[in-house]
């Protein structure tokens, strides 16, 4: 094989320029395989992966990059949705284990409602629920929270302050 054929072979296999192929052959002493290695070491080869075969067929085309991008985006979305759903279920369970309790003037419980239902009612009918709670405060009812998460003293102290504030306003009008 003469010099020009070797240069053309290198150019076909690597996608390098004529000058780069000629320099690689000169550096490798005319050995085609050494010239190919020389080009790859310097990043001059456009070959993206190794491929060897004894058959006379072209290497398989690689179009997996787009599929893997779509797959990873789909996996990320599915993972995010699972995390969202798990968090939502945990939040609903916490809301169902905590309750809003309304007590009358004598301290008897007149209403106990899970916090999940209370929040849904508050969001869906804010202009009805909030005024009803204010009216209940003026009639001497007290609100408190019970349960593992909201049954703390600081939460109930804040709700007690709201009741005390309503009592002060009621005394000013009398």
C-alpha atoms as a PDB file:
ATOM      1  CA  UNK A   1       0.000   0.000   0.000  1.00  0.00           C
ATOM      2  CA  UNK A   2       1.510   3.293  -0.978  1.00  0.00           C
ATOM      3  CA  UNK A   3       1.627   6.495   1.082  1.00  0.00           C
ATOM      4  CA  UNK A   4      -1.425   8.150  -0.597  1.00  0.00           C
ATOM      5  CA  UNK A   5      -3.615   5.060  -0.037  1.00  0.00           C
ATOM      6  CA  UNK A   6      -2.632   4.936   3.637  1.00  0.00           C
ATOM      7  CA  UNK A   7      -3.439   8.622   4.043  1.00  0.00           C
ATOM      8  CA  UNK A   8      -6.862   8.148   2.409  1.00  0.00           C
ATOM      9  CA  UNK A   9      -7.547   5.098   4.589  1.00  0.00           C
ATOM     10  CA  UNK A  10      -6.694   7.080   7.724  1.00  0.00           C
ATOM     11  CA  UNK A  11      -8.900   9.955   6.619  1.00  0.00           C
ATOM     12  CA  UNK A  12     -11.842   7.597   5.968  1.00  0.00           C
ATOM     13  CA  UNK A  13     -11.457   5.773   9.277  1.00  0.00           C
ATOM     14  CA  UNK A  14     -10.815   8.765  11.522  1.00  0.00           C
ATOM     15  CA  UNK A  15     -12.290  11.788   9.783  1.00  0.00           C
ATOM     16  CA  UNK A  16      -9.033  13.719  10.166  1.00  0.00           C
ATOM     17  CA  UNK A  17      -7.569  16.126   7.626  1.00  0.00           C
ATOM     18  CA  UNK A  18      -4.960  15.221   4.996  1.00  0.00           C
ATOM     19  CA  UNK A  19      -2.243  17.041   6.915  1.00  0.00           C
ATOM     20  CA  UNK A  20      -3.094  15.256  10.167  1.00  0.00           C
ATOM     21  CA  UNK A  21      -3.114  11.843   8.475  1.00  0.00           C
ATOM     22  CA  UNK A  22       0.235  12.525   6.781  1.00  0.00           C
ATOM     23  CA  UNK A  23       1.786  13.679  10.078  1.00  0.00           C
ATOM     24  CA  UNK A  24       0.480  10.565  11.855  1.00  0.00           C
ATOM     25  CA  UNK A  25       1.980   8.273   9.224  1.00  0.00           C
ATOM     26  CA  UNK A  26       5.320  10.063   9.376  1.00  0.00           C
ATOM     27  CA  UNK A  27       5.336   9.859  13.201  1.00  0.00           C
ATOM     28  CA  UNK A  28       4.547   6.145  13.125  1.00  0.00           C
ATOM     29  CA  UNK A  29       7.087   5.246  10.465  1.00  0.00           C
ATOM     30  CA  UNK A  30       4.424   4.407   7.875  1.00  0.00           C
ATOM     31  CA  UNK A  31       2.551   1.879  10.086  1.00  0.00           C
ATOM     32  CA  UNK A  32      -1.206   2.340   9.640  1.00  0.00           C
ATOM     33  CA  UNK A  33      -2.221   0.959  13.042  1.00  0.00           C
ATOM     34  CA  UNK A  34       0.348   3.057  14.897  1.00  0.00           C
ATOM     35  CA  UNK A  35      -0.809   6.124  12.956  1.00  0.00           C
ATOM     36  CA  UNK A  36      -4.393   5.447  14.015  1.00  0.00           C
ATOM     37  CA  UNK A  37      -3.305   5.168  17.675  1.00  0.00           C
ATOM     38  CA  UNK A  38      -1.241   8.363  17.299  1.00  0.00           C
ATOM     39  CA  UNK A  39      -4.314  10.257  16.032  1.00  0.00           C
ATOM     40  CA  UNK A  40      -6.557   8.901  18.803  1.00  0.00           C
ATOM     41  CA  UNK A  41      -4.056   9.913  21.489  1.00  0.00           C
ATOM     42  CA  UNK A  42      -4.131  13.477  20.229  1.00  0.00           C
ATOM     43  CA  UNK A  43      -7.916  13.611  19.936  1.00  0.00           C
ATOM     44  CA  UNK A  44      -7.803  13.913  16.140  1.00  0.00           C
ATOM     45  CA  UNK A  45      -9.921  10.835  15.521  1.00  0.00           C
ATOM     46  CA  UNK A  46     -13.672  11.283  15.180  1.00  0.00           C
ATOM     47  CA  UNK A  47     -14.280   7.628  16.025  1.00  0.00           C
ATOM     48  CA  UNK A  48     -16.560   7.648  19.103  1.00  0.00           C
ATOM     49  CA  UNK A  49     -16.133   4.090  20.255  1.00  0.00           C
ATOM     50  CA  UNK A  50     -14.118   1.005  19.646  1.00  0.00           C
ATOM     51  CA  UNK A  51     -15.438  -1.506  17.161  1.00  0.00           C
ATOM     52  CA  UNK A  52     -13.791  -4.573  15.826  1.00  0.00           C
ATOM     53  CA  UNK A  53     -15.094  -7.273  13.587  1.00  0.00           C
ATOM     54  CA  UNK A  54     -13.829  -9.865  11.193  1.00  0.00           C
ATOM     55  CA  UNK A  55     -16.869  -9.382   8.982  1.00  0.00           C
ATOM     56  CA  UNK A  56     -16.950  -6.825   6.180  1.00  0.00           C
ATOM     57  CA  UNK A  57     -19.868  -4.786   7.492  1.00  0.00           C
ATOM     58  CA  UNK A  58     -20.013  -1.260   8.841  1.00  0.00           C
ATOM     59  CA  UNK A  59     -20.178  -0.705  12.622  1.00  0.00           C
ATOM     60  CA  UNK A  60     -23.665  -0.389  14.110  1.00  0.00           C
ATOM     61  CA  UNK A  61     -25.085   3.108  14.313  1.00  0.00           C
ATOM     62  CA  UNK A  62     -25.456   4.535  17.775  1.00  0.00           C
ATOM     63  CA  UNK A  63     -28.662   6.507  18.289  1.00  0.00           C
ATOM     64  CA  UNK A  64     -29.018   5.603  21.942  1.00  0.00           C
ATOM     65  CA  UNK A  65     -28.227   9.091  23.230  1.00  0.00           C
ATOM     66  CA  UNK A  66     -31.660  10.472  22.378  1.00  0.00           C
ATOM     67  CA  UNK A  67     -33.443   7.382  23.746  1.00  0.00           C
ATOM     68  CA  UNK A  68     -31.474   7.493  26.999  1.00  0.00           C
ATOM     69  CA  UNK A  69     -32.214  11.207  27.392  1.00  0.00           C
ATOM     70  CA  UNK A  70     -35.935  10.575  26.957  1.00  0.00           C
ATOM     71  CA  UNK A  71     -35.757   7.575  29.277  1.00  0.00           C
ATOM     72  CA  UNK A  72     -33.882   9.473  31.998  1.00  0.00           C
ATOM     73  CA  UNK A  73     -36.325  12.395  31.772  1.00  0.00           C
ATOM     74  CA  UNK A  74     -39.223   9.972  32.026  1.00  0.00           C
ATOM     75  CA  UNK A  75     -37.593   8.215  34.984  1.00  0.00           C
ATOM     76  CA  UNK A  76     -36.975  11.547  36.716  1.00  0.00           C
ATOM     77  CA  UNK A  77     -40.609  12.582  36.216  1.00  0.00           C
ATOM     78  CA  UNK A  78     -41.885   9.237  37.517  1.00  0.00           C
ATOM     79  CA  UNK A  79     -39.566   9.464  40.528  1.00  0.00           C
ATOM     80  CA  UNK A  80     -40.739  13.015  41.230  1.00  0.00           C
ATOM     81  CA  UNK A  81     -44.390  12.013  40.990  1.00  0.00           C
ATOM     82  CA  UNK A  82     -43.807   9.075  43.356  1.00  0.00           C
ATOM     83  CA  UNK A  83     -42.106  11.398  45.853  1.00  0.00           C
ATOM     84  CA  UNK A  84     -44.965  13.910  45.540  1.00  0.00           C
ATOM     85  CA  UNK A  85     -47.599  11.213  46.035  1.00  0.00           C
ATOM     86  CA  UNK A  86     -45.752   9.718  49.024  1.00  0.00           C
ATOM     87  CA  UNK A  87     -45.463  13.167  50.616  1.00  0.00           C
ATOM     88  CA  UNK A  88     -49.137  13.922  50.004  1.00  0.00           C
ATOM     89  CA  UNK A  89     -50.238  10.627  51.563  1.00  0.00           C
ATOM     90  CA  UNK A  90     -47.996  11.258  54.587  1.00  0.00           C
ATOM     91  CA  UNK A  91     -49.442  14.778  54.961  1.00  0.00           C
ATOM     92  CA  UNK A  92     -53.024  13.481  54.823  1.00  0.00           C
ATOM     93  CA  UNK A  93     -52.224  10.806  57.422  1.00  0.00           C
ATOM     94  CA  UNK A  94     -50.706  13.428  59.719  1.00  0.00           C
ATOM     95  CA  UNK A  95     -53.752  15.630  59.249  1.00  0.00           C
ATOM     96  CA  UNK A  96     -56.062  12.729  60.096  1.00  0.00           C
ATOM     97  CA  UNK A  97     -54.164  11.965  63.304  1.00  0.00           C
ATOM     98  CA  UNK A  98     -54.462  15.597  64.523  1.00  0.00           C
ATOM     99  CA  UNK A  99     -57.822  17.173  65.328  1.00  0.00           C
ATOM    100  CA  UNK A 100     -59.347  20.597  65.834  1.00  0.00           C
ATOM    101  CA  UNK A 101     -61.519  20.550  68.958  1.00  0.00           C
ATOM    102  CA  UNK A 102     -64.174  23.128  69.807  1.00  0.00           C
ATOM    103  CA  UNK A 103     -65.235  23.370  73.470  1.00  0.00           C
ATOM    104  CA  UNK A 104     -68.218  25.338  74.777  1.00  0.00           C
ATOM    105  CA  UNK A 105     -68.199  27.708  77.789  1.00  0.00           C
ATOM    106  CA  UNK A 106     -68.395  24.865  80.289  1.00  0.00           C
ATOM    107  CA  UNK A 107     -65.442  23.055  78.700  1.00  0.00           C
ATOM    108  CA  UNK A 108     -67.374  20.215  77.038  1.00  0.00           C
ATOM    109  CA  UNK A 109     -66.300  19.163  73.556  1.00  0.00           C
ATOM    110  CA  UNK A 110     -68.950  20.158  71.055  1.00  0.00           C
ATOM    111  CA  UNK A 111     -67.026  19.473  67.838  1.00  0.00           C
ATOM    112  CA  UNK A 112     -63.991  17.398  66.887  1.00  0.00           C
ATOM    113  CA  UNK A 113     -62.840  17.478  63.285  1.00  0.00           C
ATOM    114  CA  UNK A 114     -59.675  16.051  61.661  1.00  0.00           C
ATOM    115  CA  UNK A 115     -57.257  18.744  60.516  1.00  0.00           C
ATOM    116  CA  UNK A 116     -57.358  17.377  56.954  1.00  0.00           C
ATOM    117  CA  UNK A 117     -61.105  18.066  56.751  1.00  0.00           C
ATOM    118  CA  UNK A 118     -60.676  21.445  58.452  1.00  0.00           C
ATOM    119  CA  UNK A 119     -58.008  22.548  55.954  1.00  0.00           C
ATOM    120  CA  UNK A 120     -60.129  21.375  53.010  1.00  0.00           C
ATOM    121  CA  UNK A 121     -63.132  23.296  54.377  1.00  0.00           C
ATOM    122  CA  UNK A 122     -60.979  26.345  55.033  1.00  0.00           C
ATOM    123  CA  UNK A 123     -59.650  26.323  51.465  1.00  0.00           C
ATOM    124  CA  UNK A 124     -62.972  25.519  49.810  1.00  0.00           C
ATOM    125  CA  UNK A 125     -65.209  27.782  51.922  1.00  0.00           C
ATOM    126  CA  UNK A 126     -62.894  30.314  53.545  1.00  0.00           C
ATOM    127  CA  UNK A 127     -65.532  33.073  53.685  1.00  0.00           C
ATOM    128  CA  UNK A 128     -67.950  30.782  55.525  1.00  0.00           C
ATOM    129  CA  UNK A 129     -65.653  28.860  57.895  1.00  0.00           C
ATOM    130  CA  UNK A 130     -63.647  31.804  59.227  1.00  0.00           C
ATOM    131  CA  UNK A 131     -66.666  33.980  60.148  1.00  0.00           C
ATOM    132  CA  UNK A 132     -68.293  30.963  61.834  1.00  0.00           C
ATOM    133  CA  UNK A 133     -65.175  30.476  63.922  1.00  0.00           C
ATOM    134  CA  UNK A 134     -65.128  34.164  64.890  1.00  0.00           C
ATOM    135  CA  UNK A 135     -68.819  34.003  65.872  1.00  0.00           C
ATOM    136  CA  UNK A 136     -68.110  30.871  67.946  1.00  0.00           C
ATOM    137  CA  UNK A 137     -65.317  32.749  69.731  1.00  0.00           C
ATOM    138  CA  UNK A 138     -67.710  35.576  70.616  1.00  0.00           C
ATOM    139  CA  UNK A 139     -70.172  33.030  72.035  1.00  0.00           C
ATOM    140  CA  UNK A 140     -67.481  31.792  74.419  1.00  0.00           C
ATOM    141  CA  UNK A 141     -66.285  28.699  72.540  1.00  0.00           C
ATOM    142  CA  UNK A 142     -62.627  27.772  72.699  1.00  0.00           C
ATOM    143  CA  UNK A 143     -60.581  26.024  70.016  1.00  0.00           C
ATOM    144  CA  UNK A 144     -57.686  23.659  70.652  1.00  0.00           C
ATOM    145  CA  UNK A 145     -55.634  21.152  68.717  1.00  0.00           C
ATOM    146  CA  UNK A 146     -55.091  17.563  69.780  1.00  0.00           C
ATOM    147  CA  UNK A 147     -52.835  14.929  68.327  1.00  0.00           C
ATOM    148  CA  UNK A 148     -49.179  13.974  68.116  1.00  0.00           C
ATOM    149  CA  UNK A 149     -48.094  16.918  65.962  1.00  0.00           C
ATOM    150  CA  UNK A 150     -50.399  19.816  66.884  1.00  0.00           C
ATOM    151  CA  UNK A 151     -51.381  18.921  70.450  1.00  0.00           C
ATOM    152  CA  UNK A 152     -48.467  20.944  71.797  1.00  0.00           C
ATOM    153  CA  UNK A 153     -48.856  23.573  74.445  1.00  0.00           C
ATOM    154  CA  UNK A 154     -47.486  26.434  72.311  1.00  0.00           C
ATOM    155  CA  UNK A 155     -50.051  25.820  69.546  1.00  0.00           C
ATOM    156  CA  UNK A 156     -52.927  25.707  72.014  1.00  0.00           C
ATOM    157  CA  UNK A 157     -51.583  28.782  73.843  1.00  0.00           C
ATOM    158  CA  UNK A 158     -51.777  30.764  70.586  1.00  0.00           C
ATOM    159  CA  UNK A 159     -55.335  29.583  70.029  1.00  0.00           C
ATOM    160  CA  UNK A 160     -56.167  30.513  73.631  1.00  0.00           C
ATOM    161  CA  UNK A 161     -54.844  34.029  73.011  1.00  0.00           C
ATOM    162  CA  UNK A 162     -57.262  34.366  70.088  1.00  0.00           C
ATOM    163  CA  UNK A 163     -60.108  33.389  72.416  1.00  0.00           C
ATOM    164  CA  UNK A 164     -58.941  35.842  75.068  1.00  0.00           C
ATOM    165  CA  UNK A 165     -58.737  38.603  72.441  1.00  0.00           C
ATOM    166  CA  UNK A 166     -62.331  37.870  71.381  1.00  0.00           C
ATOM    167  CA  UNK A 167     -63.413  38.047  75.054  1.00  0.00           C
ATOM    168  CA  UNK A 168     -61.738  41.461  75.445  1.00  0.00           C
ATOM    169  CA  UNK A 169     -63.502  42.811  72.370  1.00  0.00           C
ATOM    170  CA  UNK A 170     -66.805  41.447  73.649  1.00  0.00           C
ATOM    171  CA  UNK A 171     -66.277  43.195  77.034  1.00  0.00           C
ATOM    172  CA  UNK A 172     -65.541  46.516  75.292  1.00  0.00           C
ATOM    173  CA  UNK A 173     -68.893  46.400  73.475  1.00  0.00           C
ATOM    174  CA  UNK A 174     -70.878  45.606  76.644  1.00  0.00           C
END
